[in-house]
Each structure stands twice: as C-alpha cells, then as structure tokens.
C-alpha cells in the first residue's frame, strides 16, 4: 500500500519546518520506501507498518506542538510492490508517447 501524509504542527509559531523535519526523520528511520516533496511524504509497505510510522511521526511533532493536523491518503492494492516508483514511471512513459 501507499500512504501519502502530511503532519502539520498547529500553535507552534509561523515557521514549522524544523518540526516537520522530525516527522520526516521518523519516516527515514523506519526503513520503508519513501518519498518526501513540498506537500506530502509518501511511504510504501503493509497496512500495520505504514500506520505505525504515521502514528510515530505525529507523536514526534506533538512533542513540541500543542496541536497537530494530519492529512492522509492511502492506495490499498494487495500484492502490488514498488508502486512508489512504478506509478510515476507509468506516467513518464505516457508523456513520452
């Protein structure tokens, strides 16, 4: 499965980049395939491991923020692997045609 999520600290001031970095640190330490862009971090794995990482990322931000907003989108496709790369590669091939 793919899980794209964004953890946003609320009430922690105007600049939240350092707190968001703590969430990304959790993702990188998880060992799951992942990609971070300007809006979301996407991880790939099994249901329980993905949601455990999301929970840990929220908890890491919550240590320094009185409130945390979580946006999440999941693509649940049993038996599919490397969707993190395959979906993008499919689009790139289509654009070359």
C-alpha atoms as a PDB file:
ATOM      1  CA  UNK A   1       0.000   0.000   0.000  1.00  0.00           C
ATOM      2  CA  UNK A   2       0.973   3.604  -0.470  1.00  0.00           C
ATOM      3  CA  UNK A   3       0.237   6.184   2.222  1.00  0.00           C
ATOM      4  CA  UNK A   4       0.725   9.871   1.463  1.00  0.00           C
ATOM      5  CA  UNK A   5       0.528  12.016   4.547  1.00  0.00           C
ATOM      6  CA  UNK A   6       1.256  15.468   5.850  1.00  0.00           C
ATOM      7  CA  UNK A   7       1.795  16.328   9.511  1.00  0.00           C
ATOM      8  CA  UNK A   8       1.280  19.998  10.343  1.00  0.00           C
ATOM      9  CA  UNK A   9       2.092  21.473  13.744  1.00  0.00           C
ATOM     10  CA  UNK A  10      -0.541  23.960  14.910  1.00  0.00           C
ATOM     11  CA  UNK A  11       0.099  26.637  17.505  1.00  0.00           C
ATOM     12  CA  UNK A  12       3.853  26.224  17.279  1.00  0.00           C
ATOM     13  CA  UNK A  13       4.643  29.502  15.530  1.00  0.00           C
ATOM     14  CA  UNK A  14       4.886  30.618  11.954  1.00  0.00           C
ATOM     15  CA  UNK A  15       7.887  28.545  10.875  1.00  0.00           C
ATOM     16  CA  UNK A  16       7.268  24.829  11.337  1.00  0.00           C
ATOM     17  CA  UNK A  17       9.960  23.334   9.101  1.00  0.00           C
ATOM     18  CA  UNK A  18      12.079  22.040  11.961  1.00  0.00           C
ATOM     19  CA  UNK A  19       9.088  20.232  13.473  1.00  0.00           C
ATOM     20  CA  UNK A  20       8.082  18.762  10.121  1.00  0.00           C
ATOM     21  CA  UNK A  21      11.674  17.539   9.771  1.00  0.00           C
ATOM     22  CA  UNK A  22      11.129  15.483  12.926  1.00  0.00           C
ATOM     23  CA  UNK A  23       8.258  13.672  11.211  1.00  0.00           C
ATOM     24  CA  UNK A  24      10.431  13.012   8.164  1.00  0.00           C
ATOM     25  CA  UNK A  25      13.206  11.760  10.449  1.00  0.00           C
ATOM     26  CA  UNK A  26      10.778   9.111  11.759  1.00  0.00           C
ATOM     27  CA  UNK A  27       9.933   8.063   8.202  1.00  0.00           C
ATOM     28  CA  UNK A  28      13.583   7.738   7.210  1.00  0.00           C
ATOM     29  CA  UNK A  29      14.393   5.716  10.319  1.00  0.00           C
ATOM     30  CA  UNK A  30      11.520   3.322   9.539  1.00  0.00           C
ATOM     31  CA  UNK A  31      13.332   1.742   6.618  1.00  0.00           C
ATOM     32  CA  UNK A  32      10.187   1.848   4.464  1.00  0.00           C
ATOM     33  CA  UNK A  33      10.475   3.055   0.879  1.00  0.00           C
ATOM     34  CA  UNK A  34       9.511   6.721   0.920  1.00  0.00           C
ATOM     35  CA  UNK A  35       9.491   9.996  -0.961  1.00  0.00           C
ATOM     36  CA  UNK A  36       9.128  13.484   0.506  1.00  0.00           C
ATOM     37  CA  UNK A  37       8.080  16.512  -1.508  1.00  0.00           C
ATOM     38  CA  UNK A  38       6.959  20.017  -0.614  1.00  0.00           C
ATOM     39  CA  UNK A  39       3.464  18.934   0.484  1.00  0.00           C
ATOM     40  CA  UNK A  40       3.472  15.243   1.467  1.00  0.00           C
ATOM     41  CA  UNK A  41       5.584  12.289   2.418  1.00  0.00           C
ATOM     42  CA  UNK A  42       4.626   9.008   0.767  1.00  0.00           C
ATOM     43  CA  UNK A  43       5.570   5.663   2.272  1.00  0.00           C
ATOM     44  CA  UNK A  44       5.094   2.135   0.967  1.00  0.00           C
ATOM     45  CA  UNK A  45       4.560  -1.002   2.994  1.00  0.00           C
ATOM     46  CA  UNK A  46       1.990  -3.159   4.720  1.00  0.00           C
ATOM     47  CA  UNK A  47      -1.021  -1.630   6.472  1.00  0.00           C
ATOM     48  CA  UNK A  48       0.230  -2.010  10.048  1.00  0.00           C
ATOM     49  CA  UNK A  49       3.764  -0.837   9.381  1.00  0.00           C
ATOM     50  CA  UNK A  50       2.625   2.225   7.402  1.00  0.00           C
ATOM     51  CA  UNK A  51       0.160   3.353  10.024  1.00  0.00           C
ATOM     52  CA  UNK A  52       2.669   2.740  12.811  1.00  0.00           C
ATOM     53  CA  UNK A  53       5.065   5.126  11.051  1.00  0.00           C
ATOM     54  CA  UNK A  54       2.304   7.732  10.601  1.00  0.00           C
ATOM     55  CA  UNK A  55       1.470   7.492  14.302  1.00  0.00           C
ATOM     56  CA  UNK A  56       5.130   7.848  15.309  1.00  0.00           C
ATOM     57  CA  UNK A  57       5.532  10.860  13.001  1.00  0.00           C
ATOM     58  CA  UNK A  58       2.506  12.562  14.562  1.00  0.00           C
ATOM     59  CA  UNK A  59       3.793  11.789  18.057  1.00  0.00           C
ATOM     60  CA  UNK A  60       7.226  13.225  17.210  1.00  0.00           C
ATOM     61  CA  UNK A  61       5.658  16.523  16.136  1.00  0.00           C
ATOM     62  CA  UNK A  62       3.239  16.534  19.071  1.00  0.00           C
ATOM     63  CA  UNK A  63       6.179  16.589  21.490  1.00  0.00           C
ATOM     64  CA  UNK A  64       6.808  20.226  20.543  1.00  0.00           C
ATOM     65  CA  UNK A  65       3.402  21.362  19.310  1.00  0.00           C
ATOM     66  CA  UNK A  66       0.164  21.738  21.285  1.00  0.00           C
ATOM     67  CA  UNK A  67      -1.899  20.549  18.315  1.00  0.00           C
ATOM     68  CA  UNK A  68      -1.180  18.506  15.176  1.00  0.00           C
ATOM     69  CA  UNK A  69      -3.135  18.289  11.940  1.00  0.00           C
ATOM     70  CA  UNK A  70      -2.835  15.106   9.868  1.00  0.00           C
ATOM     71  CA  UNK A  71      -3.825  14.788   6.198  1.00  0.00           C
ATOM     72  CA  UNK A  72      -3.664  11.291   4.778  1.00  0.00           C
ATOM     73  CA  UNK A  73      -4.438   9.483   1.542  1.00  0.00           C
ATOM     74  CA  UNK A  74      -3.919   5.750   1.015  1.00  0.00           C
ATOM     75  CA  UNK A  75      -3.835   3.482  -2.032  1.00  0.00           C
ATOM     76  CA  UNK A  76      -4.637  -0.040  -0.852  1.00  0.00           C
ATOM     77  CA  UNK A  77      -3.702  -2.615  -3.509  1.00  0.00           C
ATOM     78  CA  UNK A  78      -2.773  -6.011  -2.075  1.00  0.00           C
ATOM     79  CA  UNK A  79       0.003  -7.798  -3.920  1.00  0.00           C
ATOM     80  CA  UNK A  80       1.413  -4.677  -5.581  1.00  0.00           C
ATOM     81  CA  UNK A  81       5.036  -3.852  -4.826  1.00  0.00           C
ATOM     82  CA  UNK A  82       7.213  -0.871  -5.749  1.00  0.00           C
ATOM     83  CA  UNK A  83       4.152   1.236  -6.551  1.00  0.00           C
ATOM     84  CA  UNK A  84       6.062   4.245  -5.243  1.00  0.00           C
ATOM     85  CA  UNK A  85       8.181   4.155  -8.390  1.00  0.00           C
ATOM     86  CA  UNK A  86       6.008   2.209 -10.839  1.00  0.00           C
ATOM     87  CA  UNK A  87       3.150   4.724 -10.811  1.00  0.00           C
ATOM     88  CA  UNK A  88       5.465   7.620 -11.665  1.00  0.00           C
ATOM     89  CA  UNK A  89       7.288   5.596 -14.323  1.00  0.00           C
ATOM     90  CA  UNK A  90       3.946   4.778 -15.977  1.00  0.00           C
ATOM     91  CA  UNK A  91       3.074   8.472 -16.230  1.00  0.00           C
ATOM     92  CA  UNK A  92       6.527   9.323 -17.600  1.00  0.00           C
ATOM     93  CA  UNK A  93       6.171   6.645 -20.302  1.00  0.00           C
ATOM     94  CA  UNK A  94       2.762   8.016 -21.259  1.00  0.00           C
ATOM     95  CA  UNK A  95       4.184  11.530 -21.541  1.00  0.00           C
ATOM     96  CA  UNK A  96       6.921  10.333 -23.935  1.00  0.00           C
ATOM     97  CA  UNK A  97       4.372   8.775 -26.324  1.00  0.00           C
END
